[in-house]
Every structure is written in C-alpha cells, then in structure tokens.
Amino acid sequence: MNHAQFSATRRHVVSDLTDTLFLESFFDWMPDVVFSVKDIEGRYLVMSEACVTRCNLKNKQDAIGKTAHDLFPTTMASRYAAQDDLLFGSGKAVVDRLDMTLYNNRRPGWCLSNKQSVYNHNGTLLGLICISKDLTDLTREGLLDHRFADAVDFIQNNFHRPLCLKELADFADMSVAQLDRRMKRVFHTSTGMFVRKTRLDAAIHALTHTQESVAQISVDCGFFDQSALSRQCRQVTGLSPTQLRGKAARNAKIGRNAIP
C-alpha cells in the first residue's frame, strides 16, 4: 500500500471511528465523564450514560432534544449556555474550564470542561461536542472553589494583556505560592505555564482560522513580539507559525475534497 492509498484508508477509518454514536457508546463506560453533542440551539443530540443519574432521568434518551436549562440548575445551565455562545461566536474551542456540575449522587461538584465546534464538509456550523470530567477528588479535598475558578476564567479572558502573578493570586484570594500549588494540582502545570499555554492556544486558532499576520496575532494574543510566539510555537508543535498555518490550509483542502 503506497502513501496515497494509506492516507485514503486512514481518512475513511477515522471517519467511521469518530461517528458520534460510536463515541457515545465508548463514553458510556465512564461514569465520571459526560460526553454530549449539541446543535446550535443548545439542544442535546447525543449524551452519554453518565447523564442519567445526575440529571434524574429514566434513560439517556430522555436528554435528547432538551437543553441544559431543562436538566441542570439555573446557575450551572446559564454558564454552560454562555460558553456555548462564546464558542459559536468565536469558533475558538473552550478549553480547561472549571465548571460546577451535578455528580452521580445529585450533589454539586466541580468538573473540567472542553468544547469544540463541529462543522460539515461545506464548513457550515452544526453544533458542538463537549467532554466534562468530574474532579471528584479535588472537590473532596476542598481545592476547588469559585474564587479559584474565577481566577482561571480571568486568565482565559485576559490572556491578551500582561498578567502579573500577584494580580492573579489576589483574584483567587491566596498567595502566589498557594496559587501555583493549586494550579499544579488541578492542571499539572505552573500558573505562568498555564498563561503561556492559553496564549498559544489562542494564537494557533488565529493562525489556522484567520488571515491576520503573524505579527498582529502575536500582539493580539499577549506575546512580547513575533519571535516570542515563534519560539513557543516551535517548542510545542515543532512547526513555525507559518508552517502551522500552511499545514492547516492543506488539511482543510483535503477535508473539502474528501468523499462525504
């Protein structure tokens, strides 16, 4: 099998494996993970088995067609909906968000949520995929609270400007050292590295979804200059910003030419 044949085979196999029903059944085995697919109106199209007990349903099919406001307390549902609107408006994935959820015992606890928009072959927005992982142990240990979650939100909403560790610590109502220890327990990285990762995630999205210059993206995403973005991009992806943009363009072209 030559490279072209392998690439074609890989695309077809991956397409089959990423069928939402396959993913749904896979996540059904994970009681501490909620996998869901929503349409652009926020209605659940797919939801894994973990939703049944925590949302007080008879079976997971009862979630289909409902929205977060139908299944979760108002405060939780409003936050989920605001994240969805942000995702649909910007196209940028929602990454590492600390959210309150209901655990299987119907008690509130913290989870880590990631969301990605879903498009068809013509580039039309269809909805989103969400994976939320319960942070049961960290919740039990008292390491998660609203002040810490607000500090994480602050980083993710203000990465484009200079961020001082003291400012972030004050926001979380703890010392710089305490914040750093908490970040390492929750995200397995230091506060400074989390800020840099957040900036790089935003820069990669801009590189692969817009035509803005690399220099402008560097400024918009909070990097000191273009060379700082280039260094971090190479360290993490192995590619320069220009190479990364070119690779994304080639992948998009393959996607447009793929057999539906």
C-alpha atoms as a PDB file:
ATOM      1  CA  MET A   1       0.000   0.000   0.000  1.00  0.00           C
ATOM      2  CA  ASN A   2       1.539   3.321  -1.056  1.00  0.00           C
ATOM      3  CA  HIS A   3       1.281   6.563   0.902  1.00  0.00           C
ATOM      4  CA  ALA A   4      -1.717   7.901  -1.039  1.00  0.00           C
ATOM      5  CA  GLN A   5      -3.644   4.661  -0.541  1.00  0.00           C
ATOM      6  CA  PHE A   6      -2.790   4.610   3.162  1.00  0.00           C
ATOM      7  CA  SER A   7      -3.923   8.236   3.553  1.00  0.00           C
ATOM      8  CA  ALA A   8      -7.256   7.480   1.871  1.00  0.00           C
ATOM      9  CA  THR A   9      -7.774   4.391   4.032  1.00  0.00           C
ATOM     10  CA  ARG A  10      -6.892   6.326   7.167  1.00  0.00           C
ATOM     11  CA  ARG A  11      -9.446   9.050   6.362  1.00  0.00           C
ATOM     12  CA  HIS A  12     -12.235   6.514   5.901  1.00  0.00           C
ATOM     13  CA  VAL A  13     -11.358   4.552   9.058  1.00  0.00           C
ATOM     14  CA  VAL A  14     -11.037   7.689  11.189  1.00  0.00           C
ATOM     15  CA  SER A  15     -14.346   8.947   9.785  1.00  0.00           C
ATOM     16  CA  ASP A  16     -16.042   5.732  10.873  1.00  0.00           C
ATOM     17  CA  LEU A  17     -14.391   5.714  14.311  1.00  0.00           C
ATOM     18  CA  THR A  18     -15.405   9.302  15.047  1.00  0.00           C
ATOM     19  CA  ASP A  19     -19.072   8.620  14.372  1.00  0.00           C
ATOM     20  CA  THR A  20     -20.914  10.230  17.300  1.00  0.00           C
ATOM     21  CA  LEU A  21     -22.817   7.040  18.136  1.00  0.00           C
ATOM     22  CA  PHE A  22     -19.527   5.154  18.455  1.00  0.00           C
ATOM     23  CA  LEU A  23     -18.168   7.855  20.762  1.00  0.00           C
ATOM     24  CA  GLU A  24     -21.359   7.872  22.776  1.00  0.00           C
ATOM     25  CA  SER A  25     -21.126   4.128  23.463  1.00  0.00           C
ATOM     26  CA  PHE A  26     -17.434   4.476  24.352  1.00  0.00           C
ATOM     27  CA  PHE A  27     -18.086   7.186  26.927  1.00  0.00           C
ATOM     28  CA  ASP A  28     -20.988   5.182  28.373  1.00  0.00           C
ATOM     29  CA  TRP A  29     -18.328   3.136  30.189  1.00  0.00           C
ATOM     30  CA  MET A  30     -17.057   6.219  32.036  1.00  0.00           C
ATOM     31  CA  PRO A  31     -19.385   7.237  34.915  1.00  0.00           C
ATOM     32  CA  ASP A  32     -17.260  10.305  35.768  1.00  0.00           C
ATOM     33  CA  VAL A  33     -17.321  11.722  32.220  1.00  0.00           C
ATOM     34  CA  VAL A  34     -20.251  13.337  30.445  1.00  0.00           C
ATOM     35  CA  PHE A  35     -19.940  13.322  26.643  1.00  0.00           C
ATOM     36  CA  SER A  36     -22.508  15.305  24.714  1.00  0.00           C
ATOM     37  CA  VAL A  37     -23.261  16.771  21.313  1.00  0.00           C
ATOM     38  CA  LYS A  38     -25.489  19.849  20.989  1.00  0.00           C
ATOM     39  CA  ASP A  39     -26.973  21.626  17.998  1.00  0.00           C
ATOM     40  CA  ILE A  40     -26.637  25.388  17.521  1.00  0.00           C
ATOM     41  CA  GLU A  41     -29.823  25.905  19.556  1.00  0.00           C
ATOM     42  CA  GLY A  42     -28.243  24.212  22.565  1.00  0.00           C
ATOM     43  CA  ARG A  43     -30.376  21.073  22.319  1.00  0.00           C
ATOM     44  CA  TYR A  44     -28.723  17.769  23.155  1.00  0.00           C
ATOM     45  CA  LEU A  45     -28.399  15.444  20.177  1.00  0.00           C
ATOM     46  CA  VAL A  46     -26.213  12.879  21.955  1.00  0.00           C
ATOM     47  CA  MET A  47     -25.476  12.345  25.630  1.00  0.00           C
ATOM     48  CA  SER A  48     -23.569   9.576  27.380  1.00  0.00           C
ATOM     49  CA  GLU A  49     -24.914   7.319  30.116  1.00  0.00           C
ATOM     50  CA  ALA A  50     -23.398   9.431  32.918  1.00  0.00           C
ATOM     51  CA  CYS A  51     -26.185  11.968  32.474  1.00  0.00           C
ATOM     52  CA  VAL A  52     -28.920   9.573  33.650  1.00  0.00           C
ATOM     53  CA  THR A  53     -28.371   9.525  37.412  1.00  0.00           C
ATOM     54  CA  ARG A  54     -27.052  13.064  37.774  1.00  0.00           C
ATOM     55  CA  CYS A  55     -29.906  14.565  35.735  1.00  0.00           C
ATOM     56  CA  ASN A  56     -32.543  12.314  37.340  1.00  0.00           C
ATOM     57  CA  LEU A  57     -33.559  10.697  34.043  1.00  0.00           C
ATOM     58  CA  LYS A  58     -35.014   7.248  33.328  1.00  0.00           C
ATOM     59  CA  ASN A  59     -32.568   6.722  30.459  1.00  0.00           C
ATOM     60  CA  LYS A  60     -30.182   8.812  28.401  1.00  0.00           C
ATOM     61  CA  GLN A  61     -32.669   9.153  25.556  1.00  0.00           C
ATOM     62  CA  ASP A  62     -34.711  11.416  27.843  1.00  0.00           C
ATOM     63  CA  ALA A  63     -31.964  14.049  27.436  1.00  0.00           C
ATOM     64  CA  ILE A  64     -32.333  14.219  23.648  1.00  0.00           C
ATOM     65  CA  GLY A  65     -33.965  17.441  22.472  1.00  0.00           C
ATOM     66  CA  LYS A  66     -33.631  19.104  25.860  1.00  0.00           C
ATOM     67  CA  THR A  67     -31.315  21.977  26.764  1.00  0.00           C
ATOM     68  CA  ALA A  68     -29.028  22.469  29.761  1.00  0.00           C
ATOM     69  CA  HIS A  69     -31.752  24.582  31.382  1.00  0.00           C
ATOM     70  CA  ASP A  70     -34.068  21.566  31.260  1.00  0.00           C
ATOM     71  CA  LEU A  71     -31.564  19.287  33.011  1.00  0.00           C
ATOM     72  CA  PHE A  72     -29.329  21.347  35.311  1.00  0.00           C
ATOM     73  CA  PRO A  73     -29.812  24.040  37.973  1.00  0.00           C
ATOM     74  CA  THR A  74     -30.200  27.532  36.534  1.00  0.00           C
ATOM     75  CA  THR A  75     -26.774  28.849  37.594  1.00  0.00           C
ATOM     76  CA  MET A  76     -24.970  25.874  36.031  1.00  0.00           C
ATOM     77  CA  ALA A  77     -27.084  25.907  32.882  1.00  0.00           C
ATOM     78  CA  SER A  78     -26.591  29.643  32.344  1.00  0.00           C
ATOM     79  CA  ARG A  79     -22.801  29.217  32.495  1.00  0.00           C
ATOM     80  CA  TYR A  80     -22.906  26.309  30.037  1.00  0.00           C
ATOM     81  CA  ALA A  81     -25.070  28.320  27.637  1.00  0.00           C
ATOM     82  CA  ALA A  82     -22.741  31.351  27.880  1.00  0.00           C
ATOM     83  CA  GLN A  83     -19.788  29.104  26.992  1.00  0.00           C
ATOM     84  CA  ASP A  84     -21.711  27.717  24.010  1.00  0.00           C
ATOM     85  CA  ASP A  85     -22.493  31.224  22.770  1.00  0.00           C
ATOM     86  CA  LEU A  86     -18.823  32.198  23.107  1.00  0.00           C
ATOM     87  CA  LEU A  87     -17.781  29.107  21.168  1.00  0.00           C
ATOM     88  CA  PHE A  88     -20.303  29.652  18.383  1.00  0.00           C
ATOM     89  CA  GLY A  89     -19.445  33.337  18.148  1.00  0.00           C
ATOM     90  CA  SER A  90     -15.662  32.979  18.009  1.00  0.00           C
ATOM     91  CA  GLY A  91     -15.175  29.452  16.674  1.00  0.00           C
ATOM     92  CA  LYS A  92     -12.432  29.065  19.297  1.00  0.00           C
ATOM     93  CA  ALA A  93     -12.559  25.913  21.424  1.00  0.00           C
ATOM     94  CA  VAL A  94     -13.485  26.216  25.095  1.00  0.00           C
ATOM     95  CA  VAL A  95     -10.522  24.601  26.885  1.00  0.00           C
ATOM     96  CA  ASP A  96      -9.912  23.728  30.551  1.00  0.00           C
ATOM     97  CA  ARG A  97     -12.932  25.458  32.028  1.00  0.00           C
ATOM     98  CA  LEU A  98     -13.727  24.773  35.664  1.00  0.00           C
ATOM     99  CA  ASP A  99     -17.484  24.366  35.989  1.00  0.00           C
ATOM    100  CA  MET A 100     -19.937  23.291  38.634  1.00  0.00           C
ATOM    101  CA  THR A 101     -21.949  20.201  37.751  1.00  0.00           C
ATOM    102  CA  LEU A 102     -24.071  17.530  39.408  1.00  0.00           C
ATOM    103  CA  TYR A 103     -22.335  14.324  40.401  1.00  0.00           C
ATOM    104  CA  ASN A 104     -23.968  10.907  40.296  1.00  0.00           C
ATOM    105  CA  ASN A 105     -25.194  11.372  43.875  1.00  0.00           C
ATOM    106  CA  ARG A 106     -27.035  14.520  42.658  1.00  0.00           C
ATOM    107  CA  ARG A 107     -24.756  16.731  44.762  1.00  0.00           C
ATOM    108  CA  PRO A 108     -22.908  19.674  43.187  1.00  0.00           C
ATOM    109  CA  GLY A 109     -19.212  19.317  42.447  1.00  0.00           C
ATOM    110  CA  TRP A 110     -16.546  20.600  40.087  1.00  0.00           C
ATOM    111  CA  CYS A 111     -15.684  19.330  36.626  1.00  0.00           C
ATOM    112  CA  LEU A 112     -13.246  20.250  33.855  1.00  0.00           C
ATOM    113  CA  SER A 113     -14.984  21.030  30.556  1.00  0.00           C
ATOM    114  CA  ASN A 114     -13.713  21.179  26.980  1.00  0.00           C
ATOM    115  CA  LYS A 115     -15.862  22.092  23.995  1.00  0.00           C
ATOM    116  CA  GLN A 116     -15.211  22.104  20.254  1.00  0.00           C
ATOM    117  CA  SER A 117     -17.449  23.336  17.444  1.00  0.00           C
ATOM    118  CA  VAL A 118     -18.493  20.859  14.746  1.00  0.00           C
ATOM    119  CA  TYR A 119     -18.814  21.676  11.037  1.00  0.00           C
ATOM    120  CA  ASN A 120     -19.927  19.737   7.962  1.00  0.00           C
ATOM    121  CA  HIS A 121     -17.800  19.287   4.829  1.00  0.00           C
ATOM    122  CA  ASN A 122     -19.027  22.632   3.485  1.00  0.00           C
ATOM    123  CA  GLY A 123     -17.890  24.493   6.575  1.00  0.00           C
ATOM    124  CA  THR A 124     -21.399  25.029   7.967  1.00  0.00           C
ATOM    125  CA  LEU A 125     -21.574  25.144  11.746  1.00  0.00           C
ATOM    126  CA  LEU A 126     -23.631  22.209  13.041  1.00  0.00           C
ATOM    127  CA  GLY A 127     -23.152  22.400  16.786  1.00  0.00           C
ATOM    128  CA  LEU A 128     -20.574  21.373  19.363  1.00  0.00           C
ATOM    129  CA  ILE A 129     -19.033  18.424  21.158  1.00  0.00           C
ATOM    130  CA  CYS A 130     -18.461  18.680  24.912  1.00  0.00           C
ATOM    131  CA  ILE A 131     -16.495  16.446  27.277  1.00  0.00           C
ATOM    132  CA  SER A 132     -16.749  17.161  31.018  1.00  0.00           C
ATOM    133  CA  LYS A 133     -14.623  15.219  33.510  1.00  0.00           C
ATOM    134  CA  ASP A 134     -15.636  15.134  37.168  1.00  0.00           C
ATOM    135  CA  LEU A 135     -12.910  16.388  39.530  1.00  0.00           C
ATOM    136  CA  THR A 136     -14.200  14.316  42.425  1.00  0.00           C
ATOM    137  CA  ASP A 137     -11.000  14.003  44.455  1.00  0.00           C
ATOM    138  CA  LEU A 138     -10.061  17.669  44.103  1.00  0.00           C
ATOM    139  CA  THR A 139     -13.595  18.679  45.089  1.00  0.00           C
ATOM    140  CA  ARG A 140     -13.482  16.390  48.128  1.00  0.00           C
ATOM    141  CA  GLU A 141     -10.120  17.869  49.178  1.00  0.00           C
ATOM    142  CA  GLY A 142     -11.542  21.385  49.004  1.00  0.00           C
ATOM    143  CA  LEU A 143      -9.033  22.503  46.362  1.00  0.00           C
ATOM    144  CA  LEU A 144     -11.699  23.962  44.079  1.00  0.00           C
ATOM    145  CA  ASP A 145     -13.867  26.967  44.800  1.00  0.00           C
ATOM    146  CA  HIS A 146     -15.429  29.874  42.952  1.00  0.00           C
ATOM    147  CA  ARG A 147     -12.538  32.273  43.652  1.00  0.00           C
ATOM    148  CA  PHE A 148     -10.042  29.879  42.093  1.00  0.00           C
ATOM    149  CA  ALA A 149     -12.389  29.188  39.151  1.00  0.00           C
ATOM    150  CA  ASP A 150     -12.834  32.942  38.658  1.00  0.00           C
ATOM    151  CA  ALA A 151      -9.039  33.362  38.557  1.00  0.00           C
ATOM    152  CA  VAL A 152      -8.804  30.691  35.845  1.00  0.00           C
ATOM    153  CA  ASP A 153     -11.602  32.428  33.920  1.00  0.00           C
ATOM    154  CA  PHE A 154      -9.746  35.727  34.324  1.00  0.00           C
ATOM    155  CA  ILE A 155      -6.628  34.238  32.720  1.00  0.00           C
ATOM    156  CA  GLN A 156      -8.635  32.777  29.851  1.00  0.00           C
ATOM    157  CA  ASN A 157     -10.446  36.067  29.243  1.00  0.00           C
ATOM    158  CA  ASN A 158      -7.460  38.417  29.624  1.00  0.00           C
ATOM    159  CA  PHE A 159      -4.500  36.483  28.184  1.00  0.00           C
ATOM    160  CA  HIS A 160      -4.099  39.187  25.526  1.00  0.00           C
ATOM    161  CA  ARG A 161      -2.695  41.663  28.059  1.00  0.00           C
ATOM    162  CA  PRO A 162       0.185  41.482  30.561  1.00  0.00           C
ATOM    163  CA  LEU A 163      -0.781  39.345  33.568  1.00  0.00           C
ATOM    164  CA  CYS A 164       1.010  39.642  36.903  1.00  0.00           C
ATOM    165  CA  LEU A 165       1.151  36.590  39.166  1.00  0.00           C
ATOM    166  CA  LYS A 166       0.371  38.795  42.179  1.00  0.00           C
ATOM    167  CA  GLU A 167      -2.729  40.114  40.419  1.00  0.00           C
ATOM    168  CA  LEU A 168      -3.915  36.579  39.695  1.00  0.00           C
ATOM    169  CA  ALA A 169      -3.197  35.455  43.246  1.00  0.00           C
ATOM    170  CA  ASP A 170      -5.165  38.394  44.663  1.00  0.00           C
ATOM    171  CA  PHE A 171      -8.015  37.497  42.338  1.00  0.00           C
ATOM    172  CA  ALA A 172      -8.004  33.954  43.767  1.00  0.00           C
ATOM    173  CA  ASP A 173      -7.646  35.297  47.339  1.00  0.00           C
ATOM    174  CA  MET A 174      -4.414  33.398  48.018  1.00  0.00           C
ATOM    175  CA  SER A 175      -0.669  33.912  47.883  1.00  0.00           C
ATOM    176  CA  VAL A 176       1.338  33.462  44.679  1.00  0.00           C
ATOM    177  CA  ALA A 177       2.824  30.238  46.069  1.00  0.00           C
ATOM    178  CA  GLN A 178      -0.604  28.905  47.047  1.00  0.00           C
ATOM    179  CA  LEU A 179      -1.999  29.687  43.608  1.00  0.00           C
ATOM    180  CA  ASP A 180       0.918  27.969  41.925  1.00  0.00           C
ATOM    181  CA  ARG A 181       0.480  24.842  44.052  1.00  0.00           C
ATOM    182  CA  ARG A 182      -3.242  24.793  43.281  1.00  0.00           C
ATOM    183  CA  MET A 183      -2.627  25.186  39.543  1.00  0.00           C
ATOM    184  CA  LYS A 184      -0.157  22.297  39.587  1.00  0.00           C
ATOM    185  CA  ARG A 185      -2.658  20.027  41.357  1.00  0.00           C
ATOM    186  CA  VAL A 186      -5.522  20.892  39.017  1.00  0.00           C
ATOM    187  CA  PHE A 187      -3.807  21.499  35.658  1.00  0.00           C
ATOM    188  CA  HIS A 188      -0.425  19.818  36.264  1.00  0.00           C
ATOM    189  CA  THR A 189       1.418  22.991  35.319  1.00  0.00           C
ATOM    190  CA  SER A 190       2.512  26.247  36.921  1.00  0.00           C
ATOM    191  CA  THR A 191       0.465  29.434  36.750  1.00  0.00           C
ATOM    192  CA  GLY A 192       2.945  31.009  34.334  1.00  0.00           C
ATOM    193  CA  MET A 193       2.914  27.979  32.047  1.00  0.00           C
ATOM    194  CA  PHE A 194      -0.896  27.940  32.099  1.00  0.00           C
ATOM    195  CA  VAL A 195      -0.934  31.569  30.951  1.00  0.00           C
ATOM    196  CA  ARG A 196       1.528  30.792  28.148  1.00  0.00           C
ATOM    197  CA  LYS A 197      -0.487  27.745  27.064  1.00  0.00           C
ATOM    198  CA  THR A 198      -3.667  29.824  26.968  1.00  0.00           C
ATOM    199  CA  ARG A 199      -1.952  32.420  24.784  1.00  0.00           C
ATOM    200  CA  LEU A 200      -0.527  29.798  22.457  1.00  0.00           C
ATOM    201  CA  ASP A 201      -3.917  28.061  22.088  1.00  0.00           C
ATOM    202  CA  ALA A 202      -5.436  31.392  21.052  1.00  0.00           C
ATOM    203  CA  ALA A 203      -2.561  32.114  18.643  1.00  0.00           C
ATOM    204  CA  ILE A 204      -2.835  28.684  16.999  1.00  0.00           C
ATOM    205  CA  HIS A 205      -6.551  29.203  16.491  1.00  0.00           C
ATOM    206  CA  ALA A 206      -5.914  32.602  14.910  1.00  0.00           C
ATOM    207  CA  LEU A 207      -3.161  31.181  12.699  1.00  0.00           C
ATOM    208  CA  THR A 208      -5.365  28.356  11.439  1.00  0.00           C
ATOM    209  CA  HIS A 209      -8.690  30.199  11.167  1.00  0.00           C
ATOM    210  CA  THR A 210      -7.833  33.770  10.137  1.00  0.00           C
ATOM    211  CA  GLN A 211      -5.611  35.608   7.668  1.00  0.00           C
ATOM    212  CA  GLU A 212      -4.190  38.001  10.271  1.00  0.00           C
ATOM    213  CA  SER A 213      -0.433  38.495  10.049  1.00  0.00           C
ATOM    214  CA  VAL A 214       1.771  36.572  12.460  1.00  0.00           C
ATOM    215  CA  ALA A 215       2.967  39.877  13.901  1.00  0.00           C
ATOM    216  CA  GLN A 216      -0.593  41.027  14.613  1.00  0.00           C
ATOM    217  CA  ILE A 217      -1.556  37.664  16.117  1.00  0.00           C
ATOM    218  CA  SER A 218       1.470  37.906  18.411  1.00  0.00           C
ATOM    219  CA  VAL A 219       0.261  41.254  19.732  1.00  0.00           C
ATOM    220  CA  ASP A 220      -3.393  40.199  19.997  1.00  0.00           C
ATOM    221  CA  CYS A 221      -2.529  37.052  21.968  1.00  0.00           C
ATOM    222  CA  GLY A 222      -0.285  38.743  24.518  1.00  0.00           C
ATOM    223  CA  PHE A 223       3.170  37.732  23.285  1.00  0.00           C
ATOM    224  CA  PHE A 224       6.042  40.175  23.714  1.00  0.00           C
ATOM    225  CA  ASP A 225       6.784  40.047  19.981  1.00  0.00           C
ATOM    226  CA  GLN A 226       6.606  37.778  16.931  1.00  0.00           C
ATOM    227  CA  SER A 227       9.802  35.949  17.818  1.00  0.00           C
ATOM    228  CA  ALA A 228       8.372  35.002  21.231  1.00  0.00           C
ATOM    229  CA  LEU A 229       5.359  33.421  19.530  1.00  0.00           C
ATOM    230  CA  SER A 230       7.598  31.653  17.018  1.00  0.00           C
ATOM    231  CA  ARG A 231       9.797  30.176  19.756  1.00  0.00           C
ATOM    232  CA  GLN A 232       6.890  28.843  21.766  1.00  0.00           C
ATOM    233  CA  CYS A 233       5.113  27.562  18.681  1.00  0.00           C
ATOM    234  CA  ARG A 234       8.197  25.581  17.633  1.00  0.00           C
ATOM    235  CA  GLN A 235       8.714  24.238  21.153  1.00  0.00           C
ATOM    236  CA  VAL A 236       5.173  22.902  21.423  1.00  0.00           C
ATOM    237  CA  THR A 237       4.244  21.932  17.849  1.00  0.00           C
ATOM    238  CA  GLY A 238       7.629  21.537  16.166  1.00  0.00           C
ATOM    239  CA  LEU A 239       6.483  23.987  13.486  1.00  0.00           C
ATOM    240  CA  SER A 240       6.866  27.708  12.927  1.00  0.00           C
ATOM    241  CA  PRO A 241       3.660  29.807  12.828  1.00  0.00           C
ATOM    242  CA  THR A 242       3.896  29.990   9.018  1.00  0.00           C
ATOM    243  CA  GLN A 243       4.397  26.223   8.720  1.00  0.00           C
ATOM    244  CA  LEU A 244       1.490  25.600  11.083  1.00  0.00           C
ATOM    245  CA  ARG A 245      -0.773  27.851   9.024  1.00  0.00           C
ATOM    246  CA  GLY A 246       0.263  26.083   5.821  1.00  0.00           C
ATOM    247  CA  LYS A 247      -0.390  22.647   7.302  1.00  0.00           C
ATOM    248  CA  ALA A 248      -3.864  23.718   8.442  1.00  0.00           C
ATOM    249  CA  ALA A 249      -4.651  25.033   4.954  1.00  0.00           C
ATOM    250  CA  ARG A 250      -3.580  21.729   3.363  1.00  0.00           C
ATOM    251  CA  ASN A 251      -5.657  19.726   5.830  1.00  0.00           C
ATOM    252  CA  ALA A 252      -8.672  21.923   5.146  1.00  0.00           C
ATOM    253  CA  LYS A 253      -8.274  21.359   1.407  1.00  0.00           C
ATOM    254  CA  ILE A 254      -8.147  17.577   1.942  1.00  0.00           C
ATOM    255  CA  GLY A 255     -11.292  17.828   4.062  1.00  0.00           C
ATOM    256  CA  ARG A 256     -13.146  19.732   1.341  1.00  0.00           C
ATOM    257  CA  ASN A 257     -12.146  17.144  -1.248  1.00  0.00           C
ATOM    258  CA  ALA A 258     -12.974  14.139   0.933  1.00  0.00           C
ATOM    259  CA  ILE A 259     -15.819  11.844  -0.016  1.00  0.00           C
ATOM    260  CA  PRO A 260     -18.832  12.663   2.172  1.00  0.00           C
END
